[in-house]
Amino acid sequence: MSGNNHNMIVARGVVCGKCRHRLSIPTTNSTEVKCPTCNNMNPIPNYEQFGNKDRSIQKLIVKAKEKISGNNLSSSQKPDSLNKKPSPLSSSSETRPAGKRALLIGVTYKRKHKLKGTINDVKSMRELLILNLGFKEENILVLTEQETEPELIPTKKNILKSLEWLVKGCQAGDSLVFYFSGHGISQPDFEGDERDGFAENICPVDFMTEGMIVDNDINSTIVWPLKKGVTLHAIVDACHSGTVLDLEHVYNRQEKKWDDNSPLSGNARKHPDGGLAISLSACLDNQVAADTTAFTGKTMNGAMTFLLIKIMKKYHGATYGDLLDLMHEELEKANESRCFAEKIFKQITKNMLLQKPQISASKPFDVYKEHFVL
């Protein structure tokens, strides 16, 4: 072999026009190459001369390399932001017209903590608010890991800042929505104000380093500031989320009554400043919530989020009680059809198979008379 072979490349399909000998093309800027067999000079082709078939092959190679490297989205192909610019966070006005405002958070996490349905949940919830419930895009703040602006990534710091944004300057007539799809964790209560001895928390994307957001902090941030005439709905699709807002009344569906969830410590405040807070949770405090394809067969979704949106679109003006009953019925049907791989799931969750959505509120009301309106 020639000592210059390190400067040569072999072009598949390029042969001498005279003797048909396969040619090696120099990597220099030469426009011709000499055939070593017959000494015929041959023009060096470029990619344009290979035709559409070879260009298609080149494109496939590029795509394959991008997929392997994990960089298969060009800058023009990155997911569009779910926030309308400028970001709602940029508004510094303390006062604003009464209306509807929403904070939607979906956390995917990474590696062993990864959830695949949270982005779908946020997109579906945002669409419902805009198309069916009269929310304006500019009044909806979305935090997901797909956003490119650093302040819109669901870190602990950003979530807390966004919770403050949600209730800032609230006034009579406001309808506020806090939605969270992600991991939830129950841990021993160190404040002494939980009746069951456990605090319920949500996990930001950086919870392994920065810690969780505890229920006491959620309560003080978005429940305390609610003025008279303001209604907040929290929809939390996470494990152990039953009383994640620490509201003082929990609806007992079996006995059709409200149970007392007020803090054991007389000095602990859990109530709003005259407004109303209502929380719809994916499951009880001691249960897990499913991220599943059971209802679509294709896309991953939080079970509670999927059912909530489905029922709201089908039954306009459903009461809180109707909504709760319908979700329970759908989950029971899914369980009976073994959509959740019942036998395996029971082993994992120690027979806590069915997640049971739960309603809690800052004050009791007739769930079968009041309509679920956001």
Protein backbone atom coordinates (compact mmCIF):
# COMPACT_ATOMS: atom_id res chain seq x y z
CA MET A 1 0.00 0.00 0.00
CA SER A 2 1.19 3.48 -0.81
CA GLY A 3 2.44 5.71 1.95
CA ASN A 4 -0.11 8.31 0.85
CA ASN A 5 -3.12 6.13 1.59
CA HIS A 6 -3.91 8.15 4.71
CA ASN A 7 -4.85 11.00 2.35
CA MET A 8 -7.21 8.91 0.23
CA ILE A 9 -10.87 8.00 0.49
CA VAL A 10 -12.78 5.36 -1.41
CA ALA A 11 -15.90 6.64 -3.15
CA ARG A 12 -18.45 3.87 -3.56
CA GLY A 13 -19.60 3.56 -7.20
CA VAL A 14 -16.82 5.77 -8.70
CA VAL A 15 -14.87 3.93 -11.43
CA CYS A 16 -12.55 4.82 -14.27
CA GLY A 17 -14.47 5.87 -17.36
CA LYS A 18 -12.09 3.91 -19.61
CA CYS A 19 -11.15 0.62 -17.92
CA ARG A 20 -13.79 0.53 -15.16
CA HIS A 21 -11.15 0.22 -12.42
CA ARG A 22 -12.42 1.35 -8.99
CA LEU A 23 -10.81 4.65 -8.06
CA SER A 24 -9.40 6.12 -4.87
CA ILE A 25 -9.97 9.86 -4.66
CA PRO A 26 -7.49 12.21 -2.94
CA THR A 27 -8.84 14.37 -0.15
CA THR A 28 -7.11 17.42 -1.66
CA ASN A 29 -8.96 19.98 -3.78
CA SER A 30 -8.03 18.18 -7.04
CA THR A 31 -10.66 18.14 -9.76
CA GLU A 32 -9.28 15.01 -11.50
CA VAL A 33 -7.83 11.65 -10.51
CA LYS A 34 -5.50 9.44 -12.53
CA CYS A 35 -6.43 5.79 -13.00
CA PRO A 36 -3.47 3.62 -11.82
CA THR A 37 -4.33 0.93 -14.39
CA CYS A 38 -4.73 2.81 -17.68
CA ASN A 39 -3.46 6.30 -16.70
CA ASN A 40 -6.74 7.83 -17.86
CA MET A 41 -7.59 11.14 -16.15
CA ASN A 42 -11.10 11.08 -14.59
CA PRO A 43 -13.09 14.04 -13.24
CA ILE A 44 -13.81 13.85 -9.51
CA PRO A 45 -17.60 13.80 -8.95
CA ASN A 46 -19.32 15.72 -6.18
CA TYR A 47 -22.38 14.70 -4.15
CA GLU A 48 -24.72 16.52 -6.49
CA GLN A 49 -23.67 14.11 -9.26
CA PHE A 50 -24.70 11.07 -7.28
CA GLY A 51 -28.41 11.87 -7.75
CA ASN A 52 -31.43 11.79 -5.47
CA LYS A 53 -30.90 8.23 -4.31
CA ASP A 54 -27.46 8.91 -2.82
CA ARG A 55 -28.65 12.21 -1.31
CA SER A 56 -31.47 10.31 0.39
CA ILE A 57 -28.94 7.85 1.77
CA GLN A 58 -26.84 10.71 3.10
CA LYS A 59 -29.90 12.20 4.84
CA LEU A 60 -30.70 8.84 6.44
CA ILE A 61 -27.13 8.56 7.70
CA VAL A 62 -27.31 12.03 9.22
CA LYS A 63 -30.61 11.28 10.92
CA ALA A 64 -29.26 7.99 12.28
CA LYS A 65 -26.22 9.74 13.75
CA GLU A 66 -28.42 12.40 15.33
CA LYS A 67 -30.70 9.79 16.85
CA ILE A 68 -27.77 7.84 18.29
CA SER A 69 -26.26 10.97 19.77
CA GLY A 70 -29.63 12.05 21.18
CA ASN A 71 -29.46 15.31 19.26
CA ASN A 72 -32.23 14.55 16.78
CA LEU A 73 -33.92 17.95 17.02
CA SER A 74 -32.49 20.89 15.15
CA SER A 75 -33.03 24.36 16.55
CA SER A 76 -35.99 24.79 14.21
CA GLN A 77 -37.49 21.46 15.30
CA LYS A 78 -37.40 21.99 19.06
CA PRO A 79 -40.82 21.79 20.75
CA ASP A 80 -42.66 25.06 20.68
CA SER A 81 -42.95 26.84 24.01
CA LEU A 82 -46.27 26.43 25.78
CA ASN A 83 -45.92 29.98 27.08
CA LYS A 84 -47.03 33.02 25.16
CA LYS A 85 -44.32 35.67 25.04
CA PRO A 86 -43.60 37.73 26.94
CA SER A 87 -43.73 35.29 29.84
CA PRO A 88 -46.55 35.94 32.34
CA LEU A 89 -43.81 36.16 34.96
CA SER A 90 -42.60 39.40 33.40
CA SER A 91 -45.73 41.25 34.53
CA SER A 92 -44.92 43.38 37.58
CA SER A 93 -48.35 44.90 38.08
CA GLU A 94 -49.77 44.44 41.56
CA THR A 95 -53.31 45.03 40.32
CA ARG A 96 -55.00 43.54 37.28
CA PRO A 97 -58.50 42.99 35.94
CA ALA A 98 -60.38 40.19 37.70
CA GLY A 99 -60.31 37.05 35.63
CA LYS A 100 -58.77 33.63 35.12
CA ARG A 101 -55.15 32.71 35.74
CA ALA A 102 -53.45 29.29 35.68
CA LEU A 103 -50.12 27.71 36.59
CA LEU A 104 -49.45 24.35 34.91
CA ILE A 105 -46.43 22.28 35.93
CA GLY A 106 -45.28 18.99 34.41
CA VAL A 107 -42.08 17.34 35.60
CA THR A 108 -40.50 14.49 33.62
CA TYR A 109 -37.36 13.90 35.73
CA LYS A 110 -34.61 11.61 34.48
CA ARG A 111 -33.32 8.06 34.66
CA LYS A 112 -35.03 5.89 37.28
CA HIS A 113 -37.38 8.69 38.35
CA LYS A 114 -38.58 9.41 34.80
CA LEU A 115 -42.27 9.93 34.05
CA LYS A 116 -43.42 9.80 30.44
CA GLY A 117 -46.93 11.23 30.65
CA THR A 118 -46.49 14.55 32.43
CA ILE A 119 -45.85 16.66 29.31
CA ASN A 120 -48.94 15.15 27.68
CA ASP A 121 -50.91 15.98 30.82
CA VAL A 122 -49.86 19.63 30.76
CA LYS A 123 -50.60 20.01 27.05
CA SER A 124 -54.05 18.46 27.48
CA MET A 125 -54.87 20.61 30.51
CA ARG A 126 -53.71 23.78 28.75
CA GLU A 127 -55.85 22.95 25.73
CA LEU A 128 -58.89 22.34 27.94
CA LEU A 129 -58.47 25.67 29.72
CA ILE A 130 -58.10 27.64 26.49
CA LEU A 131 -60.60 25.92 24.20
CA ASN A 132 -63.28 24.91 26.69
CA LEU A 133 -63.01 27.10 29.76
CA GLY A 134 -62.22 30.59 28.53
CA PHE A 135 -58.65 31.01 29.79
CA LYS A 136 -56.37 33.28 27.77
CA GLU A 137 -52.95 32.09 26.67
CA GLU A 138 -51.23 35.11 28.17
CA ASN A 139 -52.69 34.26 31.59
CA ILE A 140 -51.37 30.68 31.64
CA LEU A 141 -47.87 29.99 32.95
CA VAL A 142 -46.34 26.62 32.04
CA LEU A 143 -43.26 25.02 33.62
CA THR A 144 -41.77 21.93 31.96
CA GLU A 145 -38.30 20.66 31.10
CA GLN A 146 -39.03 21.30 27.41
CA GLU A 147 -39.07 25.06 27.91
CA THR A 148 -35.88 26.87 26.86
CA GLU A 149 -36.06 29.83 29.25
CA PRO A 150 -34.26 28.99 32.53
CA GLU A 151 -37.05 30.55 34.64
CA LEU A 152 -39.58 28.16 33.08
CA ILE A 153 -37.84 24.92 34.11
CA PRO A 154 -39.69 23.28 37.07
CA THR A 155 -36.94 23.66 39.65
CA LYS A 156 -37.83 24.17 43.29
CA LYS A 157 -36.93 27.86 43.10
CA ASN A 158 -38.97 28.43 39.93
CA ILE A 159 -42.01 26.55 41.19
CA LEU A 160 -42.11 28.57 44.41
CA LYS A 161 -41.74 31.80 42.43
CA SER A 162 -44.52 30.73 40.07
CA LEU A 163 -46.85 29.86 42.94
CA GLU A 164 -46.38 33.40 44.21
CA TRP A 165 -47.16 34.73 40.72
CA LEU A 166 -50.41 32.75 40.61
CA VAL A 167 -51.97 34.48 43.62
CA LYS A 168 -50.22 37.84 43.41
CA GLY A 169 -52.71 40.71 43.38
CA CYS A 170 -55.72 38.36 43.43
CA GLN A 171 -59.09 40.02 43.90
CA ALA A 172 -62.79 39.19 44.07
CA GLY A 173 -63.99 37.42 40.95
CA ASP A 174 -60.68 35.69 40.19
CA SER A 175 -60.60 32.01 39.27
CA LEU A 176 -57.13 30.55 39.81
CA VAL A 177 -55.88 27.10 38.79
CA PHE A 178 -52.79 25.31 40.05
CA TYR A 179 -52.03 22.09 38.16
CA PHE A 180 -49.16 19.72 38.92
CA SER A 181 -48.23 16.45 37.22
CA GLY A 182 -45.18 14.72 38.66
CA HIS A 183 -43.90 12.79 41.65
CA GLY A 184 -45.34 13.19 45.12
CA ILE A 185 -43.87 11.85 48.35
CA SER A 186 -45.22 11.34 51.85
CA GLN A 187 -42.83 11.72 54.78
CA PRO A 188 -43.06 11.96 58.58
CA ASP A 189 -44.44 15.27 59.84
CA PHE A 190 -41.90 17.23 61.85
CA GLU A 191 -44.17 20.25 62.46
CA GLY A 192 -46.73 18.39 64.58
CA ASP A 193 -49.75 19.67 62.65
CA GLU A 194 -50.70 16.60 60.57
CA ARG A 195 -53.49 14.38 61.87
CA ASP A 196 -52.05 11.25 60.29
CA GLY A 197 -48.48 12.11 61.24
CA PHE A 198 -47.31 12.52 57.64
CA ALA A 199 -46.70 15.51 55.39
CA GLU A 200 -47.42 15.33 51.66
CA ASN A 201 -44.94 16.93 49.26
CA ILE A 202 -44.41 17.49 45.56
CA CYS A 203 -41.06 16.93 43.84
CA PRO A 204 -39.48 19.56 41.60
CA VAL A 205 -37.04 18.41 38.93
CA ASP A 206 -34.09 19.12 41.26
CA PHE A 207 -35.58 17.54 44.39
CA MET A 208 -32.60 15.21 44.81
CA THR A 209 -30.36 18.21 45.49
CA GLU A 210 -32.70 21.03 46.51
CA GLY A 211 -35.35 19.04 48.36
CA MET A 212 -39.12 18.75 48.00
CA ILE A 213 -41.82 21.39 48.30
CA VAL A 214 -43.73 20.58 51.49
CA ASP A 215 -47.48 20.90 51.93
CA ASN A 216 -47.11 23.58 54.59
CA ASP A 217 -45.27 25.82 52.14
CA ILE A 218 -47.81 25.21 49.38
CA ASN A 219 -50.59 26.15 51.79
CA SER A 220 -48.94 29.33 53.02
CA THR A 221 -48.00 30.42 49.49
CA ILE A 222 -51.25 29.94 47.55
CA VAL A 223 -53.98 29.41 50.18
CA TRP A 224 -53.29 32.13 52.75
CA PRO A 225 -53.37 35.06 50.25
CA LEU A 226 -56.80 34.18 48.78
CA LYS A 227 -59.06 37.22 49.27
CA LYS A 228 -62.83 37.11 49.63
CA GLY A 229 -64.43 36.28 46.30
CA VAL A 230 -61.34 34.48 44.95
CA THR A 231 -61.52 30.76 44.13
CA LEU A 232 -58.47 28.56 43.75
CA HIS A 233 -58.64 25.07 42.28
CA ALA A 234 -55.61 22.84 42.72
CA ILE A 235 -55.43 19.72 40.54
CA VAL A 236 -52.56 17.49 41.63
CA ASP A 237 -51.81 14.31 39.68
CA ALA A 238 -49.14 12.76 41.87
CA CYS A 239 -48.66 9.97 44.37
CA HIS A 240 -49.59 10.67 48.02
CA SER A 241 -51.40 13.85 46.99
CA GLY A 242 -54.64 13.51 48.98
CA THR A 243 -54.07 16.45 51.34
CA VAL A 244 -51.11 18.07 49.60
CA LEU A 245 -52.67 21.54 50.02
CA ASP A 246 -53.27 20.96 53.76
CA LEU A 247 -56.86 22.16 53.50
CA GLU A 248 -59.00 21.84 56.63
CA HIS A 249 -61.81 19.70 55.22
CA VAL A 250 -61.58 16.41 53.30
CA TYR A 251 -64.62 14.91 51.60
CA ASN A 252 -65.41 11.35 52.68
CA ARG A 253 -67.03 9.76 49.63
CA GLN A 254 -68.10 6.58 51.41
CA GLU A 255 -69.93 8.38 54.22
CA LYS A 256 -70.96 11.40 52.09
CA LYS A 257 -69.60 13.90 54.58
CA TRP A 258 -66.66 16.19 55.24
CA ASP A 259 -63.95 14.99 57.63
CA ASP A 260 -62.01 17.39 59.81
CA ASN A 261 -58.43 17.89 58.63
CA SER A 262 -57.65 20.99 60.64
CA PRO A 263 -54.13 21.12 62.14
CA LEU A 264 -53.55 19.55 65.53
CA SER A 265 -51.49 22.52 66.58
CA GLY A 266 -53.70 25.47 67.46
CA ASN A 267 -51.07 27.90 66.21
CA ALA A 268 -50.89 26.45 62.70
CA ARG A 269 -52.81 28.43 60.11
CA LYS A 270 -54.27 26.54 57.13
CA HIS A 271 -57.17 28.77 55.96
CA PRO A 272 -57.32 31.50 53.28
CA ASP A 273 -57.91 35.21 53.82
CA GLY A 274 -61.62 34.99 53.00
CA GLY A 275 -61.36 33.14 49.67
CA LEU A 276 -62.08 29.52 48.77
CA ALA A 277 -59.52 26.80 48.00
CA ILE A 278 -60.55 23.44 46.57
CA SER A 279 -58.12 20.64 45.79
CA LEU A 280 -58.70 17.64 43.53
CA SER A 281 -56.03 15.00 44.13
CA ALA A 282 -55.22 11.88 42.13
CA CYS A 283 -55.26 9.58 45.16
CA LEU A 284 -55.36 9.32 48.93
CA ASP A 285 -52.33 10.20 51.02
CA ASN A 286 -51.30 6.55 51.34
CA GLN A 287 -51.77 5.64 47.67
CA VAL A 288 -49.83 5.87 44.43
CA ALA A 289 -51.06 7.43 41.18
CA ALA A 290 -50.66 5.81 37.77
CA ASP A 291 -48.75 7.14 34.76
CA THR A 292 -50.25 4.83 32.14
CA THR A 293 -51.31 4.03 28.57
CA ALA A 294 -54.31 2.08 29.88
CA PHE A 295 -56.93 4.54 28.60
CA THR A 296 -55.51 5.32 25.15
CA GLY A 297 -53.38 2.30 24.35
CA LYS A 298 -50.77 4.67 22.93
CA THR A 299 -49.80 7.84 24.77
CA MET A 300 -48.81 7.99 28.42
CA ASN A 301 -51.02 10.08 30.70
CA GLY A 302 -51.71 10.54 34.35
CA ALA A 303 -54.83 8.46 34.98
CA MET A 304 -56.60 11.18 36.96
CA THR A 305 -55.78 13.93 34.45
CA PHE A 306 -56.99 11.87 31.51
CA LEU A 307 -60.28 10.98 33.21
CA LEU A 308 -60.87 14.51 34.51
CA ILE A 309 -60.54 16.04 31.04
CA LYS A 310 -62.61 13.29 29.43
CA ILE A 311 -65.45 13.73 31.91
CA MET A 312 -65.40 17.53 31.78
CA LYS A 313 -65.72 17.47 28.00
CA LYS A 314 -68.49 14.88 28.05
CA TYR A 315 -70.53 16.10 31.01
CA HIS A 316 -70.74 19.87 30.92
CA GLY A 317 -71.68 21.32 34.28
CA ALA A 318 -71.02 18.18 36.31
CA THR A 319 -71.06 18.67 40.06
CA TYR A 320 -68.01 17.94 42.22
CA GLY A 321 -69.71 14.82 43.51
CA ASP A 322 -70.60 13.61 40.02
CA LEU A 323 -67.05 14.21 38.84
CA LEU A 324 -65.60 12.28 41.76
CA ASP A 325 -68.02 9.38 41.29
CA LEU A 326 -67.38 9.16 37.55
CA MET A 327 -63.62 9.06 38.01
CA HIS A 328 -63.93 6.33 40.61
CA GLU A 329 -66.17 4.31 38.29
CA GLU A 330 -63.74 4.63 35.36
CA LEU A 331 -60.80 3.57 37.50
CA GLU A 332 -62.73 0.57 38.80
CA LYS A 333 -63.57 -0.48 35.23
CA ALA A 334 -59.92 -0.21 34.25
CA ASN A 335 -58.98 -2.33 37.25
CA GLU A 336 -61.54 -5.00 36.43
CA SER A 337 -60.26 -5.25 32.87
CA ARG A 338 -56.74 -5.65 34.26
CA CYS A 339 -55.50 -2.62 32.35
CA PHE A 340 -53.12 -1.94 35.22
CA ALA A 341 -51.68 -5.49 35.26
CA GLU A 342 -53.45 -6.15 38.55
CA LYS A 343 -51.48 -9.09 39.89
CA ILE A 344 -48.07 -7.47 39.42
CA PHE A 345 -49.25 -4.07 40.60
CA LYS A 346 -50.68 -5.55 43.81
CA GLN A 347 -47.33 -7.05 44.66
CA ILE A 348 -45.61 -3.70 44.19
CA THR A 349 -48.13 -1.62 46.11
CA LYS A 350 -49.08 -4.16 48.79
CA ASN A 351 -52.70 -4.41 47.66
CA MET A 352 -53.17 -0.63 47.32
CA LEU A 353 -54.25 -1.17 43.71
CA LEU A 354 -56.90 1.44 43.06
CA GLN A 355 -56.01 5.07 43.28
CA LYS A 356 -58.98 6.97 44.66
CA PRO A 357 -59.24 10.64 43.65
CA GLN A 358 -60.08 12.90 46.58
CA ILE A 359 -61.52 16.37 47.14
CA SER A 360 -60.50 18.67 49.95
CA ALA A 361 -61.51 22.28 50.61
CA SER A 362 -60.94 25.25 52.87
CA LYS A 363 -64.63 25.11 53.82
CA PRO A 364 -67.30 22.41 53.34
CA PHE A 365 -70.02 22.63 50.68
CA ASP A 366 -72.64 20.36 49.07
CA VAL A 367 -70.62 18.48 46.46
CA TYR A 368 -73.76 17.28 44.65
CA LYS A 369 -75.18 20.80 44.26
CA GLU A 370 -72.07 22.82 43.45
CA HIS A 371 -70.87 22.55 39.86
CA PHE A 372 -67.21 22.00 39.04
CA VAL A 373 -66.33 25.23 37.26
CA LEU A 374 -62.84 26.57 36.66
